[in-house]
């Protein structure tokens, strides 16, 4: 019987407001893109209709309304990102333990072990890959969604043992199609 060596990757994450804001923008544009596209499209269609009506009637007021619709359609994604970052700032301001919170991850072929430390208190969790809804890789981070809008953040520079490529291999095997990997970052 051949014993197979189980790969393990360890990483940590110290809560960071800027990283949290980046996640908020990522979540808004990536996970809620359909909502933003739908409403922006609605304003574009309304603007086009008002523009046509304004031109046909020769009414500058209606053309002005069309211009407002076009501005709202173009600004809607930015407004959503701004609102998301504002909510994050408010949430962090209410959480007096935010800056003290650390997360320590150990990834294996079965899932991840997570230890959350707040000051001198610690809580341990086992999270099988089946409980991770989806994971995304960006140039600098991994976002592991454990709820619709709740994710664990891992900065690639904070992989302590193993490598980013090994972590990707574990996520790819454990999550399959639920892992959105940036394949162009892998060494082929």
Protein backbone atom coordinates (compact mmCIF):
# COMPACT_ATOMS: atom_id res chain seq x y z
CA UNK A 1 0.00 0.00 0.00
CA UNK A 2 1.46 3.34 -1.05
CA UNK A 3 0.93 6.25 1.31
CA UNK A 4 -0.01 9.43 -0.46
CA UNK A 5 1.35 12.66 0.97
CA UNK A 6 -1.51 15.09 1.51
CA UNK A 7 -0.74 18.58 0.29
CA UNK A 8 -1.52 21.35 2.72
CA UNK A 9 -1.38 25.06 2.19
CA UNK A 10 -1.42 27.53 5.04
CA UNK A 11 -2.32 31.20 4.86
CA UNK A 12 -3.44 33.98 7.13
CA UNK A 13 -5.46 37.15 6.80
CA UNK A 14 -5.42 40.20 9.06
CA UNK A 15 -8.60 42.27 8.66
CA UNK A 16 -7.83 45.29 6.51
CA UNK A 17 -10.29 48.01 5.54
CA UNK A 18 -8.78 48.55 2.08
CA UNK A 19 -8.93 44.82 1.27
CA UNK A 20 -12.52 44.75 2.50
CA UNK A 21 -13.39 47.70 0.24
CA UNK A 22 -11.76 45.94 -2.74
CA UNK A 23 -13.88 42.89 -1.98
CA UNK A 24 -16.99 45.08 -1.82
CA UNK A 25 -16.29 46.53 -5.26
CA UNK A 26 -15.46 43.07 -6.64
CA UNK A 27 -18.69 41.67 -5.18
CA UNK A 28 -20.75 44.54 -6.58
CA UNK A 29 -19.34 44.25 -10.09
CA UNK A 30 -18.88 40.48 -10.28
CA UNK A 31 -21.62 38.94 -8.20
CA UNK A 32 -24.29 41.59 -8.83
CA UNK A 33 -23.44 42.41 -12.46
CA UNK A 34 -26.90 41.33 -13.68
CA UNK A 35 -28.62 43.83 -11.37
CA UNK A 36 -26.37 46.68 -12.48
CA UNK A 37 -26.66 45.72 -16.17
CA UNK A 38 -30.44 45.41 -15.96
CA UNK A 39 -31.00 48.81 -14.34
CA UNK A 40 -28.39 50.57 -16.49
CA UNK A 41 -30.02 49.02 -19.57
CA UNK A 42 -33.43 50.18 -18.41
CA UNK A 43 -32.20 53.76 -18.09
CA UNK A 44 -30.52 53.52 -21.53
CA UNK A 45 -33.75 52.32 -23.15
CA UNK A 46 -35.76 55.04 -21.41
CA UNK A 47 -33.19 57.61 -22.46
CA UNK A 48 -33.30 56.44 -26.08
CA UNK A 49 -37.11 56.57 -26.08
CA UNK A 50 -37.17 60.04 -24.55
CA UNK A 51 -34.51 61.26 -26.98
CA UNK A 52 -36.50 60.02 -29.98
CA UNK A 53 -39.70 61.54 -28.60
CA UNK A 54 -37.96 64.83 -27.82
CA UNK A 55 -36.47 65.07 -31.31
CA UNK A 56 -39.79 64.21 -32.98
CA UNK A 57 -41.67 66.81 -30.95
CA UNK A 58 -38.86 69.34 -30.92
CA UNK A 59 -39.11 69.50 -27.12
CA UNK A 60 -35.85 70.42 -25.35
CA UNK A 61 -37.33 69.42 -21.98
CA UNK A 62 -37.84 65.83 -23.09
CA UNK A 63 -34.34 65.77 -24.63
CA UNK A 64 -32.97 67.00 -21.27
CA UNK A 65 -34.77 64.13 -19.52
CA UNK A 66 -33.16 61.73 -22.01
CA UNK A 67 -29.73 63.17 -21.16
CA UNK A 68 -30.42 62.62 -17.46
CA UNK A 69 -31.35 58.97 -18.17
CA UNK A 70 -28.09 58.49 -20.09
CA UNK A 71 -26.05 59.99 -17.23
CA UNK A 72 -27.82 57.76 -14.68
CA UNK A 73 -27.25 54.68 -16.88
CA UNK A 74 -23.52 55.41 -17.15
CA UNK A 75 -23.13 56.38 -13.50
CA UNK A 76 -25.15 53.53 -11.98
CA UNK A 77 -22.21 51.07 -11.63
CA UNK A 78 -20.09 53.76 -9.96
CA UNK A 79 -22.93 54.72 -7.64
CA UNK A 80 -23.38 51.08 -6.59
CA UNK A 81 -19.66 50.72 -5.85
CA UNK A 82 -19.69 53.96 -3.85
CA UNK A 83 -22.70 52.81 -1.82
CA UNK A 84 -21.11 49.41 -1.17
CA UNK A 85 -17.89 51.01 0.08
CA UNK A 86 -19.94 53.37 2.28
CA UNK A 87 -21.79 50.42 3.84
CA UNK A 88 -18.45 48.68 4.46
CA UNK A 89 -17.02 51.75 6.20
CA UNK A 90 -20.12 51.97 8.43
CA UNK A 91 -19.94 48.26 9.25
CA UNK A 92 -16.26 48.47 10.17
CA UNK A 93 -16.85 51.58 12.30
CA UNK A 94 -19.48 49.64 14.31
CA UNK A 95 -17.20 46.60 14.78
CA UNK A 96 -14.68 47.53 17.46
CA UNK A 97 -12.83 44.21 16.96
CA UNK A 98 -12.36 44.60 13.20
CA UNK A 99 -8.67 45.56 13.30
CA UNK A 100 -7.85 42.88 15.88
CA UNK A 101 -9.36 40.02 13.88
CA UNK A 102 -7.05 37.49 12.21
CA UNK A 103 -7.96 34.40 10.23
CA UNK A 104 -5.62 31.43 9.86
CA UNK A 105 -6.34 28.94 7.08
CA UNK A 106 -5.09 25.41 6.52
CA UNK A 107 -6.21 23.96 3.18
CA UNK A 108 -6.16 20.23 2.51
CA UNK A 109 -7.82 17.95 -0.01
CA UNK A 110 -10.94 17.70 2.22
CA UNK A 111 -11.50 21.40 2.81
CA UNK A 112 -10.13 24.07 5.04
CA UNK A 113 -9.56 24.49 8.73
CA UNK A 114 -10.16 28.03 9.83
CA UNK A 115 -9.14 29.64 13.06
CA UNK A 116 -10.49 33.11 13.78
CA UNK A 117 -8.59 35.05 16.42
CA UNK A 118 -9.95 38.18 18.02
CA UNK A 119 -7.45 39.46 20.54
CA UNK A 120 -6.62 36.48 22.77
CA UNK A 121 -9.81 34.53 21.92
CA UNK A 122 -9.86 31.93 19.16
CA UNK A 123 -12.59 29.91 17.43
CA UNK A 124 -11.91 26.92 15.19
CA UNK A 125 -14.03 25.80 12.22
CA UNK A 126 -13.86 22.99 9.70
CA UNK A 127 -15.21 24.02 6.31
CA UNK A 128 -15.56 21.23 3.74
CA UNK A 129 -15.40 22.31 0.10
CA UNK A 130 -19.09 21.41 -0.24
CA UNK A 131 -19.92 24.37 2.05
CA UNK A 132 -18.02 26.87 -0.11
CA UNK A 133 -20.53 28.24 -2.60
CA UNK A 134 -18.01 29.69 -5.03
CA UNK A 135 -14.44 30.94 -5.09
CA UNK A 136 -12.82 33.60 -7.25
CA UNK A 137 -9.19 34.30 -7.91
CA UNK A 138 -8.05 37.85 -8.71
CA UNK A 139 -4.55 39.12 -9.38
CA UNK A 140 -3.97 39.66 -5.65
CA UNK A 141 -6.65 37.74 -3.71
CA UNK A 142 -8.89 34.73 -3.36
CA UNK A 143 -12.51 35.26 -2.34
CA UNK A 144 -14.17 32.15 -0.91
CA UNK A 145 -17.92 32.69 -0.69
CA UNK A 146 -19.43 30.99 2.35
CA UNK A 147 -22.70 32.90 1.97
CA UNK A 148 -24.42 34.93 -0.74
CA UNK A 149 -22.55 38.09 0.21
CA UNK A 150 -20.10 36.73 2.78
CA UNK A 151 -16.64 35.67 1.75
CA UNK A 152 -13.34 34.76 3.28
CA UNK A 153 -10.52 36.88 1.87
CA UNK A 154 -7.03 35.50 1.33
CA UNK A 155 -4.33 37.78 0.00
CA UNK A 156 -1.88 35.82 -2.16
CA UNK A 157 1.10 37.42 -0.40
CA UNK A 158 -0.18 35.90 2.86
CA UNK A 159 0.25 32.26 1.78
CA UNK A 160 2.66 31.10 4.48
CA UNK A 161 3.26 27.42 3.63
CA UNK A 162 2.89 25.94 0.19
CA UNK A 163 2.33 28.11 -2.85
CA UNK A 164 -0.44 29.98 -4.60
CA UNK A 165 -0.31 27.36 -7.39
CA UNK A 166 -0.77 24.56 -4.83
CA UNK A 167 -3.71 26.43 -3.29
CA UNK A 168 -5.26 26.77 -6.75
CA UNK A 169 -4.81 23.05 -7.34
CA UNK A 170 -6.61 22.24 -4.06
CA UNK A 171 -9.45 24.67 -4.83
CA UNK A 172 -9.73 23.37 -8.39
CA UNK A 173 -9.98 19.78 -7.16
CA UNK A 174 -12.30 20.53 -4.24
CA UNK A 175 -14.63 23.07 -5.86
CA UNK A 176 -14.46 22.03 -9.51
CA UNK A 177 -16.61 24.46 -11.57
CA UNK A 178 -17.36 26.60 -8.52
CA UNK A 179 -13.76 27.91 -8.63
CA UNK A 180 -13.22 30.82 -11.02
CA UNK A 181 -9.50 30.62 -11.54
CA UNK A 182 -7.36 33.17 -13.40
CA UNK A 183 -5.68 30.58 -15.59
CA UNK A 184 -3.41 33.12 -17.25
CA UNK A 185 -1.59 33.43 -13.90
CA UNK A 186 -0.68 29.71 -13.85
CA UNK A 187 2.61 28.45 -15.15
CA UNK A 188 1.65 26.02 -17.91
